[in-house]
C-alpha atoms as a PDB file:
ATOM      1  CA  MET A   1     -22.365 -28.433 -33.053  1.00  0.00           C
ATOM      2  CA  LEU A   2     -22.483 -27.668 -36.771  1.00  0.00           C
ATOM      3  CA  ILE A   3     -20.225 -29.428 -39.249  1.00  0.00           C
ATOM      4  CA  ALA A   4     -19.837 -28.182 -42.829  1.00  0.00           C
ATOM      5  CA  THR A   5     -19.019 -30.785 -45.475  1.00  0.00           C
ATOM      6  CA  ASP A   6     -18.879 -28.273 -48.325  1.00  0.00           C
ATOM      7  CA  ASP A   7     -20.032 -24.719 -49.027  1.00  0.00           C
ATOM      8  CA  ARG A   8     -23.721 -25.621 -48.793  1.00  0.00           C
ATOM      9  CA  ASP A   9     -24.029 -28.534 -46.371  1.00  0.00           C
ATOM     10  CA  VAL A  10     -24.102 -27.884 -42.626  1.00  0.00           C
ATOM     11  CA  HIS A  11     -24.834 -30.885 -40.448  1.00  0.00           C
ATOM     12  CA  ASP A  12     -26.379 -30.042 -37.093  1.00  0.00           C
ATOM     13  CA  VAL A  13     -24.795 -32.890 -35.151  1.00  0.00           C
ATOM     14  CA  THR A  14     -26.663 -32.065 -31.951  1.00  0.00           C
ATOM     15  CA  LEU A  15     -30.022 -32.237 -33.715  1.00  0.00           C
ATOM     16  CA  LEU A  16     -29.107 -35.475 -35.509  1.00  0.00           C
ATOM     17  CA  GLU A  17     -27.970 -37.090 -32.245  1.00  0.00           C
ATOM     18  CA  GLU A  18     -31.165 -36.087 -30.467  1.00  0.00           C
ATOM     19  CA  ILE A  19     -33.296 -37.394 -33.345  1.00  0.00           C
ATOM     20  CA  ALA A  20     -31.434 -40.700 -33.054  1.00  0.00           C
ATOM     21  CA  ARG A  21     -32.111 -40.785 -29.301  1.00  0.00           C
ATOM     22  CA  GLY A  22     -35.778 -40.075 -29.990  1.00  0.00           C
ATOM     23  CA  PHE A  23     -36.001 -42.965 -32.454  1.00  0.00           C
ATOM     24  CA  TYR A  24     -34.211 -45.278 -30.025  1.00  0.00           C
ATOM     25  CA  TRP A  25     -36.481 -44.347 -27.141  1.00  0.00           C
ATOM     26  CA  GLN A  26     -39.574 -44.692 -29.341  1.00  0.00           C
ATOM     27  CA  HIS A  27     -38.325 -48.158 -30.287  1.00  0.00           C
ATOM     28  CA  LEU A  28     -38.030 -49.050 -26.570  1.00  0.00           C
ATOM     29  CA  VAL A  29     -41.644 -48.016 -26.023  1.00  0.00           C
ATOM     30  CA  ASP A  30     -42.902 -49.696 -29.209  1.00  0.00           C
ATOM     31  CA  THR A  31     -41.253 -53.006 -28.311  1.00  0.00           C
ATOM     32  CA  GLY A  32     -42.398 -52.888 -24.690  1.00  0.00           C
ATOM     33  CA  ALA A  33     -38.868 -52.642 -23.283  1.00  0.00           C
ATOM     34  CA  MET A  34     -40.075 -49.444 -21.589  1.00  0.00           C
ATOM     35  CA  LYS A  35     -43.664 -48.538 -20.859  1.00  0.00           C
ATOM     36  CA  SER A  36     -43.453 -44.801 -21.508  1.00  0.00           C
ATOM     37  CA  GLY A  37     -41.317 -41.739 -21.876  1.00  0.00           C
ATOM     38  CA  SER A  38     -41.709 -41.179 -18.158  1.00  0.00           C
ATOM     39  CA  ASP A  39     -40.177 -44.604 -17.474  1.00  0.00           C
ATOM     40  CA  ILE A  40     -37.270 -43.733 -19.767  1.00  0.00           C
ATOM     41  CA  ALA A  41     -36.806 -40.419 -17.949  1.00  0.00           C
ATOM     42  CA  ARG A  42     -36.656 -42.185 -14.574  1.00  0.00           C
ATOM     43  CA  ALA A  43     -34.172 -44.766 -15.887  1.00  0.00           C
ATOM     44  CA  GLU A  44     -31.967 -42.093 -17.489  1.00  0.00           C
ATOM     45  CA  GLY A  45     -32.269 -39.523 -14.681  1.00  0.00           C
ATOM     46  CA  LEU A  46     -33.885 -36.958 -16.974  1.00  0.00           C
ATOM     47  CA  HIS A  47     -36.762 -34.520 -16.647  1.00  0.00           C
ATOM     48  CA  PRO A  48     -39.953 -36.368 -17.702  1.00  0.00           C
ATOM     49  CA  SER A  49     -40.514 -34.055 -20.681  1.00  0.00           C
ATOM     50  CA  VAL A  50     -37.161 -34.827 -22.359  1.00  0.00           C
ATOM     51  CA  PRO A  51     -37.836 -38.337 -23.736  1.00  0.00           C
ATOM     52  CA  ASN A  52     -41.308 -37.384 -24.932  1.00  0.00           C
ATOM     53  CA  ALA A  53     -40.013 -34.267 -26.687  1.00  0.00           C
ATOM     54  CA  LEU A  54     -37.281 -36.241 -28.445  1.00  0.00           C
ATOM     55  CA  MET A  55     -39.575 -39.166 -29.331  1.00  0.00           C
ATOM     56  CA  ARG A  56     -41.788 -36.615 -31.067  1.00  0.00           C
ATOM     57  CA  LEU A  57     -38.949 -36.111 -33.575  1.00  0.00           C
ATOM     58  CA  SER A  58     -39.445 -39.700 -34.755  1.00  0.00           C
ATOM     59  CA  LEU A  59     -42.659 -38.416 -36.373  1.00  0.00           C
ATOM     60  CA  LEU A  60     -40.789 -36.231 -38.868  1.00  0.00           C
ATOM     61  CA  ALA A  61     -41.578 -36.846 -42.531  1.00  0.00           C
ATOM     62  CA  PRO A  62     -38.956 -38.985 -44.290  1.00  0.00           C
ATOM     63  CA  ASP A  63     -38.007 -36.208 -46.711  1.00  0.00           C
ATOM     64  CA  ILE A  64     -37.457 -33.777 -43.833  1.00  0.00           C
ATOM     65  CA  LEU A  65     -35.251 -36.349 -42.097  1.00  0.00           C
ATOM     66  CA  GLN A  66     -33.289 -36.773 -45.345  1.00  0.00           C
ATOM     67  CA  THR A  67     -32.831 -33.009 -45.585  1.00  0.00           C
ATOM     68  CA  LEU A  68     -31.465 -32.975 -42.039  1.00  0.00           C
ATOM     69  CA  ARG A  69     -29.175 -35.956 -42.696  1.00  0.00           C
ATOM     70  CA  SER A  70     -27.795 -34.293 -45.815  1.00  0.00           C
ATOM     71  CA  GLY A  71     -27.175 -31.000 -43.970  1.00  0.00           C
ATOM     72  CA  ARG A  72     -29.425 -29.007 -46.285  1.00  0.00           C
ATOM     73  CA  GLN A  73     -31.992 -27.839 -43.737  1.00  0.00           C
ATOM     74  CA  PRO A  74     -32.746 -24.144 -43.289  1.00  0.00           C
ATOM     75  CA  ARG A  75     -30.449 -22.583 -40.688  1.00  0.00           C
ATOM     76  CA  TRP A  76     -33.376 -21.923 -38.321  1.00  0.00           C
ATOM     77  CA  MET A  77     -34.308 -25.624 -38.283  1.00  0.00           C
ATOM     78  CA  ASN A  78     -32.428 -26.738 -35.186  1.00  0.00           C
ATOM     79  CA  LEU A  79     -33.160 -28.547 -31.926  1.00  0.00           C
ATOM     80  CA  ILE A  80     -34.286 -25.378 -30.161  1.00  0.00           C
ATOM     81  CA  TRP A  81     -36.748 -24.636 -32.957  1.00  0.00           C
ATOM     82  CA  PHE A  82     -38.242 -28.136 -32.665  1.00  0.00           C
ATOM     83  CA  GLN A  83     -38.468 -27.786 -28.874  1.00  0.00           C
ATOM     84  CA  ARG A  84     -40.312 -24.471 -29.104  1.00  0.00           C
ATOM     85  CA  ASN A  85     -42.676 -25.181 -32.002  1.00  0.00           C
ATOM     86  CA  HIS A  86     -45.551 -27.570 -32.510  1.00  0.00           C
ATOM     87  CA  LEU A  87     -44.749 -30.524 -34.766  1.00  0.00           C
ATOM     88  CA  PRO A  88     -47.842 -31.708 -36.620  1.00  0.00           C
ATOM     89  CA  VAL A  89     -48.190 -35.473 -37.004  1.00  0.00           C
ATOM     90  CA  ASP A  90     -49.373 -35.015 -40.599  1.00  0.00           C
ATOM     91  CA  TRP A  91     -46.385 -35.011 -42.950  1.00  0.00           C
ATOM     92  CA  GLU A  92     -47.979 -32.596 -45.402  1.00  0.00           C
ATOM     93  CA  ALA A  93     -48.590 -30.111 -42.600  1.00  0.00           C
ATOM     94  CA  GLN A  94     -44.942 -30.488 -41.520  1.00  0.00           C
ATOM     95  CA  ARG A  95     -43.799 -29.474 -44.982  1.00  0.00           C
ATOM     96  CA  THR A  96     -45.624 -26.156 -44.759  1.00  0.00           C
END
């Protein structure tokens, strides 16, 4: 779902919600509440790839996250794009 706040800003609510889930699940793994993405998938009744794919979004550079939060991302930058494309861990590589 896309929500426009003015003529330029379009918030991709679906993408923002999935990024939040990814951060939450990464927090569960980091704190030891869950051992892995596979454990999260079993607990949530999801395909094993889903938690890992969403936790990968927690690696986004802070400025890219800010762009997404402000609704100023390019139109092609959506959840499907992130699911289909490699996300480098290096923030500088993400920016290119």
